[in-house]
N, C-alpha and C. Protein backbone atom coordinates (compact mmCIF):
# COMPACT_ATOMS: atom_id res chain seq x y z
N HIS A 1 24.76 -15.05 2.75
CA HIS A 1 23.61 -15.45 2.78
C HIS A 1 22.20 -14.34 3.06
N THR A 2 22.46 -13.23 3.79
CA THR A 2 22.04 -11.94 4.17
C THR A 2 21.30 -11.59 3.13
N ILE A 3 22.55 -10.98 1.69
CA ILE A 3 22.06 -10.10 0.47
C ILE A 3 20.67 -11.01 0.11
N ILE A 4 21.27 -12.44 -0.15
CA ILE A 4 19.80 -13.04 -0.86
C ILE A 4 18.58 -13.39 -0.12
N SER A 5 18.78 -13.22 0.48
CA SER A 5 17.36 -12.98 1.43
C SER A 5 17.00 -11.71 1.96
N ILE A 6 17.59 -10.87 1.50
CA ILE A 6 16.63 -9.89 1.78
C ILE A 6 16.01 -9.26 0.31
N ALA A 7 17.16 -9.59 -0.14
CA ALA A 7 16.69 -9.58 -1.81
C ALA A 7 15.69 -10.06 -2.53
N ILE A 8 14.92 -11.32 -2.20
CA ILE A 8 13.74 -12.16 -2.05
C ILE A 8 12.73 -11.66 -1.01
N GLY A 9 13.46 -10.41 -0.07
CA GLY A 9 12.35 -10.83 0.71
C GLY A 9 11.49 -11.09 2.32
N GLN A 10 13.08 -12.21 2.46
CA GLN A 10 13.33 -12.71 3.50
C GLN A 10 14.22 -12.28 4.55
N GLY A 11 14.41 -11.28 4.19
CA GLY A 11 15.47 -10.85 5.22
C GLY A 11 15.06 -10.22 6.80
N GLU A 12 16.32 -9.37 6.94
CA GLU A 12 15.87 -9.07 8.31
C GLU A 12 15.93 -7.38 8.07
N VAL A 13 14.54 -7.16 7.45
CA VAL A 13 14.17 -5.64 7.51
C VAL A 13 12.70 -5.90 8.17
N LEU A 14 13.55 -4.74 9.11
CA LEU A 14 11.93 -4.14 10.41
C LEU A 14 11.22 -2.88 9.78
N ALA A 15 10.44 -3.31 9.22
CA ALA A 15 9.79 -2.16 9.04
C ALA A 15 7.89 -1.80 9.26
N THR A 16 7.76 -0.39 10.36
CA THR A 16 6.17 -0.37 10.32
C THR A 16 5.64 -0.48 9.35
N PRO A 17 3.94 -0.10 9.77
CA PRO A 17 3.12 -0.13 8.56
C PRO A 17 2.91 1.77 7.85
N LEU A 18 3.34 2.21 9.08
CA LEU A 18 4.03 3.50 8.43
C LEU A 18 4.65 3.85 7.73
N GLN A 19 6.17 3.09 7.94
CA GLN A 19 6.96 3.58 7.29
C GLN A 19 6.83 3.11 5.31
N ILE A 20 5.91 1.93 5.80
CA ILE A 20 5.82 1.06 4.94
C ILE A 20 4.72 1.82 3.76
N ALA A 21 3.90 2.90 4.15
CA ALA A 21 2.82 3.95 3.97
C ALA A 21 3.40 5.07 3.29
N ASN A 22 4.25 5.19 3.91
CA ASN A 22 5.66 6.01 3.45
C ASN A 22 6.69 6.00 2.03
N LEU A 23 6.99 4.61 2.20
CA LEU A 23 7.45 4.42 0.69
C LEU A 23 6.74 3.99 -0.13
N ALA A 24 5.26 3.66 0.12
CA ALA A 24 4.42 3.97 -0.95
C ALA A 24 4.39 5.65 -1.92
N ALA A 25 4.08 6.37 -0.83
CA ALA A 25 4.09 7.86 -0.49
C ALA A 25 5.82 8.39 -1.69
N LEU A 26 6.49 8.11 -1.17
CA LEU A 26 7.55 8.17 -1.74
C LEU A 26 7.96 7.59 -3.51
N ILE A 27 7.82 6.76 -3.69
CA ILE A 27 7.58 6.26 -5.09
C ILE A 27 5.69 7.34 -5.97
N ALA A 28 5.06 7.23 -5.11
CA ALA A 28 3.88 7.90 -5.89
C ALA A 28 4.21 8.76 -6.23
N ASN A 29 5.38 9.67 -5.28
CA ASN A 29 6.37 11.29 -5.38
C ASN A 29 7.02 11.15 -6.63
N ARG A 30 7.52 9.89 -6.55
CA ARG A 30 8.76 9.69 -7.65
C ARG A 30 9.81 10.36 -7.04
N GLY A 31 9.74 10.46 -5.89
CA GLY A 31 11.58 10.41 -5.05
C GLY A 31 11.39 11.43 -4.33
N TYR A 32 10.57 11.55 -3.70
CA TYR A 32 10.19 12.37 -2.15
C TYR A 32 8.72 12.50 -1.63
N TYR A 33 8.80 12.70 -0.29
CA TYR A 33 8.01 11.97 0.50
C TYR A 33 8.13 13.80 1.56
N ILE A 34 6.80 13.45 2.48
CA ILE A 34 6.26 14.44 3.76
C ILE A 34 6.51 13.95 4.83
N ARG A 35 6.92 13.43 6.03
CA ARG A 35 7.59 13.23 7.30
C ARG A 35 5.84 12.90 7.64
N PRO A 36 5.77 11.98 7.42
CA PRO A 36 4.32 11.68 8.71
C PRO A 36 4.74 12.83 9.74
N HIS A 37 2.73 12.95 9.64
CA HIS A 37 2.77 13.90 11.29
C HIS A 37 1.08 13.71 12.00
N VAL A 38 0.78 13.89 12.47
CA VAL A 38 -1.07 14.44 13.13
C VAL A 38 -1.32 15.34 12.61
N VAL A 39 -0.24 16.41 13.74
CA VAL A 39 -1.35 17.10 13.67
C VAL A 39 -1.19 18.11 12.15
N HIS A 40 -2.12 19.99 11.95
CA HIS A 40 -1.77 20.93 10.93
C HIS A 40 -0.65 21.74 11.76
N SER A 41 -1.36 22.40 12.78
CA SER A 41 -0.63 23.56 13.78
C SER A 41 -1.26 23.76 15.35
N ILE A 42 -0.99 24.39 15.88
CA ILE A 42 -1.54 23.71 17.79
C ILE A 42 -1.15 25.48 17.90
N GLY A 43 -2.22 25.54 18.31
CA GLY A 43 -2.76 27.03 18.73
C GLY A 43 -2.84 28.07 18.03
N GLY A 44 -2.61 27.41 16.68
CA GLY A 44 -2.52 28.57 15.28
C GLY A 44 -0.99 29.05 15.04
N MET A 45 -0.31 28.22 15.48
CA MET A 45 0.49 27.75 15.00
C MET A 45 1.55 27.14 14.09
N PRO A 46 2.06 27.23 13.29
CA PRO A 46 2.18 26.87 12.15
C PRO A 46 2.96 25.72 12.14
N LEU A 47 3.03 24.75 11.58
CA LEU A 47 3.86 23.10 11.81
C LEU A 47 4.88 23.77 11.41
N ASP A 48 6.04 23.33 12.53
CA ASP A 48 7.80 23.03 12.01
C ASP A 48 7.48 23.01 10.39
N SER A 49 8.53 23.31 10.07
CA SER A 49 8.56 22.80 8.51
C SER A 49 9.77 21.85 7.82
N MET A 50 10.39 20.80 8.86
CA MET A 50 10.27 19.53 8.88
C MET A 50 8.98 18.95 8.21
N TYR A 51 7.62 19.22 8.86
CA TYR A 51 7.25 17.88 8.48
C TYR A 51 5.94 19.06 7.31
N ARG A 52 6.50 19.78 6.57
CA ARG A 52 5.95 21.09 6.06
C ARG A 52 6.95 20.36 4.15
N ASN A 53 8.39 19.84 4.84
CA ASN A 53 8.14 20.50 3.65
C ASN A 53 9.09 19.08 2.39
N HIS A 54 9.10 19.35 1.32
CA HIS A 54 9.85 18.05 1.07
C HIS A 54 10.73 17.00 0.79
N GLN A 55 11.03 15.73 1.31
CA GLN A 55 12.14 15.14 1.78
C GLN A 55 13.03 14.14 0.71
N PRO A 56 14.01 14.79 0.00
CA PRO A 56 13.93 14.21 -1.44
C PRO A 56 14.67 13.22 -1.24
N SER A 57 14.37 11.85 -2.05
CA SER A 57 15.50 10.83 -1.85
C SER A 57 17.12 10.70 -2.51
N GLY A 58 16.70 11.74 -3.45
CA GLY A 58 17.74 11.79 -3.76
C GLY A 58 18.08 11.00 -5.92
N ILE A 59 16.86 10.42 -5.84
CA ILE A 59 17.10 9.22 -7.29
C ILE A 59 16.61 10.13 -7.57
N SER A 60 16.26 10.22 -9.06
CA SER A 60 16.15 10.94 -10.42
C SER A 60 14.61 11.11 -10.48
N ARG A 61 13.59 11.24 -10.66
CA ARG A 61 11.89 11.28 -11.08
C ARG A 61 12.35 9.96 -12.22
N GLU A 62 12.85 10.60 -14.06
CA GLU A 62 13.26 9.21 -14.47
C GLU A 62 12.85 7.81 -13.91
N ASN A 63 13.93 7.87 -12.79
CA ASN A 63 14.44 6.01 -12.34
C ASN A 63 12.72 6.13 -11.58
N TRP A 64 11.92 6.98 -11.09
CA TRP A 64 11.13 6.24 -10.16
C TRP A 64 10.21 6.17 -11.22
N GLU A 65 9.85 5.73 -12.21
CA GLU A 65 8.39 5.84 -12.96
C GLU A 65 8.96 4.43 -13.70
N TYR A 66 10.11 3.59 -13.64
CA TYR A 66 10.22 2.11 -13.77
C TYR A 66 9.69 1.87 -12.55
N ILE A 67 8.92 1.54 -11.86
CA ILE A 67 8.91 1.13 -9.88
C ILE A 67 7.31 1.35 -10.36
N VAL A 68 7.38 3.13 -10.47
CA VAL A 68 5.91 2.85 -10.88
C VAL A 68 4.99 2.25 -11.95
N ALA A 69 5.93 2.28 -13.57
CA ALA A 69 4.98 1.35 -14.18
C ALA A 69 4.87 -0.18 -13.46
N GLY A 70 5.73 -0.37 -12.69
CA GLY A 70 5.43 -1.97 -12.57
C GLY A 70 4.74 -2.08 -11.54
N MET A 71 4.76 -1.35 -11.16
CA MET A 71 3.40 -1.22 -9.51
C MET A 71 2.02 -1.43 -10.34
N ALA A 72 2.35 -0.56 -11.65
CA ALA A 72 0.40 -0.64 -12.31
C ALA A 72 0.63 -2.08 -13.10
N GLY A 73 1.48 -2.37 -13.46
CA GLY A 73 1.10 -3.31 -14.32
C GLY A 73 0.89 -4.67 -13.16
N ALA A 74 1.35 -4.83 -12.08
CA ALA A 74 1.48 -5.86 -10.50
C ALA A 74 -0.55 -5.51 -10.83
N VAL A 75 -1.31 -4.38 -10.90
CA VAL A 75 -2.72 -4.00 -11.01
C VAL A 75 -3.53 -4.49 -11.54
N THR A 76 -2.69 -4.44 -13.23
CA THR A 76 -3.59 -4.65 -14.56
C THR A 76 -3.45 -5.79 -14.67
N GLY A 77 -2.13 -6.36 -14.16
CA GLY A 77 -2.08 -8.33 -14.51
C GLY A 77 -1.85 -8.87 -13.65
N GLY A 78 -1.23 -8.41 -12.38
CA GLY A 78 -0.40 -9.54 -11.99
C GLY A 78 -1.07 -9.37 -10.38
N THR A 79 -0.32 -9.71 -8.81
CA THR A 79 -0.74 -10.29 -8.34
C THR A 79 -2.00 -8.94 -7.63
N CYS A 80 -2.28 -8.06 -7.60
CA CYS A 80 -2.77 -6.78 -7.45
C CYS A 80 -3.65 -7.04 -8.29
N ARG A 81 -4.65 -7.74 -9.28
CA ARG A 81 -5.90 -7.60 -10.09
C ARG A 81 -6.68 -6.69 -9.70
N ALA A 82 -7.25 -7.44 -7.78
CA ALA A 82 -8.16 -7.22 -7.28
C ALA A 82 -8.11 -6.08 -7.07
N ALA A 83 -7.43 -4.53 -7.03
CA ALA A 83 -7.16 -3.50 -7.24
C ALA A 83 -7.87 -2.82 -7.76
N ASN A 84 -8.26 -3.08 -9.41
CA ASN A 84 -8.23 -2.71 -10.03
C ASN A 84 -10.14 -2.25 -10.11
N PHE A 85 -9.88 -1.18 -10.52
CA PHE A 85 -11.31 -0.10 -11.27
C PHE A 85 -11.78 -0.42 -12.38
N ALA A 86 -12.90 -0.40 -12.70
CA ALA A 86 -13.05 -0.52 -13.83
C ALA A 86 -12.45 0.38 -15.23
N PRO A 87 -12.54 0.48 -16.53
CA PRO A 87 -11.35 1.28 -17.08
C PRO A 87 -11.66 2.43 -17.32
N GLY A 88 -10.73 3.02 -17.27
CA GLY A 88 -10.93 4.95 -17.80
C GLY A 88 -11.58 5.29 -16.20
N GLU A 89 -11.33 4.15 -14.71
CA GLU A 89 -11.67 5.16 -13.43
C GLU A 89 -10.34 5.32 -12.92
N ILE A 90 -9.86 4.79 -11.62
CA ILE A 90 -9.06 5.09 -10.95
C ILE A 90 -7.71 4.09 -11.23
N GLU A 91 -6.77 5.32 -11.08
CA GLU A 91 -5.41 3.92 -11.95
C GLU A 91 -5.04 3.35 -10.78
N VAL A 92 -4.39 2.25 -10.22
CA VAL A 92 -4.08 2.03 -9.12
C VAL A 92 -2.60 0.95 -9.41
N CYS A 93 -1.67 2.33 -8.37
CA CYS A 93 -0.12 0.94 -8.34
C CYS A 93 -0.17 0.44 -7.24
N GLY A 94 0.27 -1.16 -7.13
CA GLY A 94 0.10 -1.22 -6.17
C GLY A 94 1.30 -2.52 -6.18
N LYS A 95 1.49 -3.20 -4.65
CA LYS A 95 2.86 -4.16 -4.79
C LYS A 95 2.12 -4.91 -4.17
N THR A 96 2.11 -6.47 -3.78
CA THR A 96 1.20 -7.00 -2.53
C THR A 96 3.11 -8.23 -1.85
N GLY A 97 2.65 -8.75 -1.24
CA GLY A 97 3.23 -9.28 0.23
C GLY A 97 3.08 -10.46 1.20
N THR A 98 4.03 -11.37 0.96
CA THR A 98 3.30 -12.60 2.33
C THR A 98 4.61 -12.60 2.84
N ALA A 99 4.68 -12.24 4.06
CA ALA A 99 5.11 -12.64 5.62
C ALA A 99 5.37 -13.80 5.91
N GLU A 100 5.69 -15.05 5.42
CA GLU A 100 5.94 -16.12 5.99
C GLU A 100 6.11 -16.06 7.38
N ASN A 101 4.87 -17.18 8.13
CA ASN A 101 4.98 -17.42 9.79
C ASN A 101 5.41 -18.60 9.59
N PRO A 102 6.33 -18.67 10.23
CA PRO A 102 6.61 -20.49 10.99
C PRO A 102 5.42 -20.64 11.89
N HIS A 103 4.67 -20.45 12.93
CA HIS A 103 3.80 -20.45 13.65
C HIS A 103 2.45 -20.33 13.17
N GLY A 104 2.16 -20.77 12.05
CA GLY A 104 0.97 -20.80 11.17
C GLY A 104 0.24 -19.96 10.17
N LYS A 105 -0.49 -19.25 9.66
CA LYS A 105 -1.08 -18.75 8.11
C LYS A 105 -0.05 -17.55 7.40
N ASP A 106 0.87 -17.27 7.42
CA ASP A 106 1.45 -16.22 6.75
C ASP A 106 0.79 -15.02 6.87
N HIS A 107 1.44 -14.15 7.17
CA HIS A 107 0.41 -12.78 6.63
C HIS A 107 0.57 -11.70 5.10
N SER A 108 -0.28 -11.29 5.24
CA SER A 108 -0.81 -10.85 4.14
C SER A 108 -0.66 -9.09 3.85
N ALA A 109 0.72 -8.84 3.05
CA ALA A 109 1.13 -7.16 2.64
C ALA A 109 0.00 -6.77 2.19
N PHE A 110 0.05 -5.64 1.28
CA PHE A 110 -0.54 -4.42 0.17
C PHE A 110 0.50 -3.34 0.44
N ILE A 111 0.82 -2.39 -0.78
CA ILE A 111 1.52 -1.20 -0.66
C ILE A 111 -0.25 -0.66 -2.05
N GLY A 112 -0.07 0.26 -2.24
CA GLY A 112 0.04 0.97 -3.31
C GLY A 112 -0.38 2.64 -2.83
N PHE A 113 -1.23 3.22 -4.20
CA PHE A 113 -1.14 4.31 -4.08
C PHE A 113 -2.03 4.67 -5.33
N ALA A 114 -3.06 5.67 -5.11
CA ALA A 114 -3.78 6.72 -6.41
C ALA A 114 -4.55 7.20 -6.61
N PRO A 115 -4.21 8.08 -7.50
CA PRO A 115 -4.26 7.18 -9.33
C PRO A 115 -3.21 7.72 -9.42
N ARG A 116 -2.83 7.18 -10.14
CA ARG A 116 -1.46 6.88 -10.44
C ARG A 116 -0.29 7.98 -11.37
N SER A 117 -1.44 8.89 -12.61
CA SER A 117 -0.53 10.35 -12.32
C SER A 117 -1.01 10.94 -11.97
N LYS A 118 -1.77 11.50 -11.08
CA LYS A 118 -1.50 12.18 -9.72
C LYS A 118 -1.98 12.04 -8.42
N PRO A 119 -1.25 11.11 -8.17
CA PRO A 119 -1.44 10.28 -6.47
C PRO A 119 -1.86 11.40 -5.34
N ARG A 120 -3.64 10.73 -4.67
CA ARG A 120 -3.61 11.55 -2.89
C ARG A 120 -3.48 10.96 -2.60
N ILE A 121 -3.84 9.23 -2.28
CA ILE A 121 -3.41 9.31 -0.92
C ILE A 121 -2.33 7.49 -1.56
N ALA A 122 -1.76 7.10 -0.23
CA ALA A 122 -0.83 5.82 -0.32
C ALA A 122 -1.25 4.77 0.66
N VAL A 123 -1.18 3.42 1.13
CA VAL A 123 -1.83 2.48 2.33
C VAL A 123 -0.63 1.70 1.96
N SER A 124 -0.83 1.27 2.99
CA SER A 124 0.22 0.38 3.67
C SER A 124 -1.48 -0.39 4.55
N VAL A 125 -1.55 -2.07 4.49
CA VAL A 125 -2.42 -2.72 4.43
C VAL A 125 -1.38 -4.02 4.97
N TYR A 126 -1.75 -5.16 6.41
CA TYR A 126 -0.60 -5.94 6.87
C TYR A 126 -1.88 -6.67 7.62
N VAL A 127 -2.28 -7.82 7.43
CA VAL A 127 -3.38 -8.49 7.92
C VAL A 127 -2.39 -9.76 8.68
N GLU A 128 -2.54 -9.76 9.56
CA GLU A 128 -1.81 -11.61 10.49
C GLU A 128 -2.44 -11.77 10.44
N ASN A 129 -1.91 -13.22 9.61
CA ASN A 129 -2.46 -14.69 9.41
C ASN A 129 -2.77 -14.15 8.20
N GLY A 130 -3.30 -13.79 7.22
CA GLY A 130 -3.92 -13.42 6.26
C GLY A 130 -3.59 -14.09 4.81
N GLY A 131 -3.18 -14.09 4.71
CA GLY A 131 -1.87 -15.49 3.55
C GLY A 131 -1.05 -14.93 3.11
N PHE A 132 -1.84 -15.03 1.61
CA PHE A 132 -0.74 -13.98 0.06
C PHE A 132 -1.84 -12.99 0.40
N GLY A 133 -0.81 -12.27 -0.23
CA GLY A 133 -0.63 -10.73 0.36
C GLY A 133 -2.47 -10.44 -0.99
N ALA A 134 -2.55 -10.84 -1.89
CA ALA A 134 -3.98 -11.07 -2.47
C ALA A 134 -4.82 -11.78 -1.96
N GLN A 135 -4.67 -11.88 -1.01
CA GLN A 135 -6.11 -12.84 -0.55
C GLN A 135 -6.67 -11.55 0.36
N PHE A 136 -5.81 -10.99 1.25
CA PHE A 136 -6.87 -9.90 2.08
C PHE A 136 -6.31 -8.08 1.92
N GLY A 137 -4.65 -8.58 2.14
CA GLY A 137 -3.99 -7.07 1.91
C GLY A 137 -4.65 -6.10 0.63
N VAL A 138 -4.91 -7.16 -0.64
CA VAL A 138 -5.32 -6.35 -1.48
C VAL A 138 -6.88 -5.44 -1.85
N PRO A 139 -8.05 -6.21 -1.58
CA PRO A 139 -9.18 -5.71 -1.02
C PRO A 139 -9.45 -4.82 -0.36
N ILE A 140 -8.50 -5.50 0.72
CA ILE A 140 -8.85 -3.86 1.92
C ILE A 140 -8.30 -2.99 1.30
N GLY A 141 -7.25 -2.51 0.95
CA GLY A 141 -6.66 -1.25 0.32
C GLY A 141 -6.80 -0.55 -0.91
N ARG A 142 -7.42 -1.73 -1.55
CA ARG A 142 -8.45 -1.02 -3.13
C ARG A 142 -9.59 -0.45 -2.28
N VAL A 143 -10.12 -0.58 -1.00
CA VAL A 143 -11.52 0.07 -0.81
C VAL A 143 -11.29 1.77 0.57
N MET A 144 -9.71 1.75 0.74
CA MET A 144 -9.45 1.85 1.68
C MET A 144 -9.35 3.05 0.03
N MET A 145 -8.78 3.39 -1.33
CA MET A 145 -8.12 4.15 -1.97
C MET A 145 -9.38 4.61 -2.40
N GLU A 146 -10.66 3.75 -2.57
CA GLU A 146 -11.93 4.52 -3.25
C GLU A 146 -12.29 5.18 -2.26
N TYR A 147 -12.42 4.94 -0.83
CA TYR A 147 -13.10 5.27 0.08
C TYR A 147 -13.25 6.92 0.30
N TYR A 148 -11.92 6.40 0.24
CA TYR A 148 -10.99 7.95 -0.03
C TYR A 148 -10.86 9.07 -0.80
N LEU A 149 -10.96 8.17 -2.03
CA LEU A 149 -10.73 9.66 -3.18
C LEU A 149 -12.26 9.10 -3.89
N ARG A 150 -13.13 8.63 -3.63
CA ARG A 150 -14.75 9.12 -3.83
C ARG A 150 -15.31 9.97 -2.76
N ASP A 151 -14.81 10.46 -1.42
CA ASP A 151 -15.46 10.91 -0.03
C ASP A 151 -15.89 10.37 0.49
N GLY A 152 -15.58 9.11 0.79
CA GLY A 152 -16.39 8.59 1.81
C GLY A 152 -17.54 7.65 0.92
N LYS A 153 -17.63 7.51 -0.32
CA LYS A 153 -18.06 6.74 -0.36
C LYS A 153 -17.73 5.71 -1.49
N LEU A 154 -18.43 4.14 -1.23
CA LEU A 154 -18.10 3.49 -2.65
C LEU A 154 -19.03 2.94 -3.42
N SER A 155 -18.38 2.47 -4.24
CA SER A 155 -18.96 2.29 -6.01
C SER A 155 -19.89 0.46 -5.27
N GLY A 156 -20.87 0.67 -6.04
CA GLY A 156 -20.84 -1.21 -5.89
C GLY A 156 -20.52 -2.45 -5.78
N SER A 157 -19.48 -2.02 -6.63
CA SER A 157 -18.13 -3.08 -6.39
C SER A 157 -17.69 -3.10 -4.98
N GLY A 158 -17.43 -1.90 -4.26
CA GLY A 158 -16.24 -0.60 -3.63
C GLY A 158 -16.96 -2.02 -2.36
N GLU A 159 -18.48 -1.98 -2.11
CA GLU A 159 -19.43 -2.03 -1.01
C GLU A 159 -18.95 -3.93 -1.33
N ALA A 160 -20.05 -4.85 -2.09
CA ALA A 160 -19.50 -5.91 -1.93
C ALA A 160 -18.31 -6.45 -1.72
N ILE A 161 -16.78 -5.90 -2.11
CA ILE A 161 -16.04 -6.66 -1.80
C ILE A 161 -15.89 -5.90 0.61
N ALA A 162 -15.78 -4.35 0.26
CA ALA A 162 -15.33 -4.12 2.09
C ALA A 162 -16.98 -5.31 2.69
N SER A 163 -17.87 -5.75 2.05
CA SER A 163 -18.64 -7.05 3.08
C SER A 163 -18.05 -8.58 3.02
N SER A 164 -17.66 -8.73 1.74
CA SER A 164 -16.83 -10.05 1.90
C SER A 164 -15.86 -10.51 2.51
N MET A 165 -15.10 -9.19 2.16
CA MET A 165 -14.20 -8.51 3.55
C MET A 165 -14.03 -8.93 5.30
N GLU A 166 -15.16 -7.93 5.67
CA GLU A 166 -16.09 -8.52 6.89
C GLU A 166 -16.24 -9.67 7.54
N HIS A 167 -17.17 -10.41 5.98
CA HIS A 167 -17.46 -11.63 6.92
C HIS A 167 -16.51 -12.81 6.13
N ARG A 168 -15.84 -12.36 6.11
CA ARG A 168 -14.68 -13.88 6.09
C ARG A 168 -13.14 -13.88 7.37
N SER A 169 -13.81 -15.18 7.87
CA SER A 169 -12.66 -15.21 8.98
C SER A 169 -11.26 -16.02 8.36
N ILE A 170 -10.37 -15.50 9.52
CA ILE A 170 -8.99 -15.69 9.03
C ILE A 170 -9.07 -16.61 10.32
N SER A 171 -8.22 -18.02 9.49
CA SER A 171 -7.96 -19.48 10.50
C SER A 171 -6.66 -18.95 10.84
N TYR A 172 -6.08 -18.74 12.27
CA TYR A 172 -4.90 -18.92 12.33
C TYR A 172 -3.63 -20.04 12.44
N LEU A 173 -4.79 -21.05 11.98
CA LEU A 173 -3.44 -22.70 11.63
C LEU A 173 -3.41 -22.77 10.22
N ASN A 174 -2.33 -22.96 9.53
CA ASN A 174 -1.12 -22.75 8.67
C ASN A 174 -2.77 -23.98 7.16
N ASP A 175 -3.74 -23.43 6.83
CA ASP A 175 -4.46 -24.50 5.97
C ASP A 175 -3.98 -24.83 4.37
N ILE A 176 -3.04 -24.03 4.33
CA ILE A 176 -2.59 -24.60 2.62
C ILE A 176 -2.58 -25.50 2.38
């Protein structure tokens, strides 16, 4: 029973948003990540090499491409469509999630990275009581990626999404 629950995303897997963002980075980099850290140096001394070196997954790059393709498809035609940019702009890869909550409305989750071919940012969004991943997680993640990739600027559509998220309220009761 445990294996089935984990396979459909309802098992006993506990992960922090930082760990999930690191998973998105692992996928974006097609098989390696760099350990999360907060500082680049202390008093001019370089950061320990364990925070600078690639940490390999041991899975070949070719296998990661299948996951990347699936995440790109989720953005172009699946539950992550709200992360889409205009054709020819930033190509985003993503995955939504909905964490069931027995005490009220479900939690909204999204992980993503961009651009697809030369990733520069990986994000993890988790909104308690936000409902399905597409309701809050995806639009917030899209705005985060655009803001970073455009050096602190948002397009008109990015501004509209940010404004919409800012003015939406989350009901803590299960109103589905």
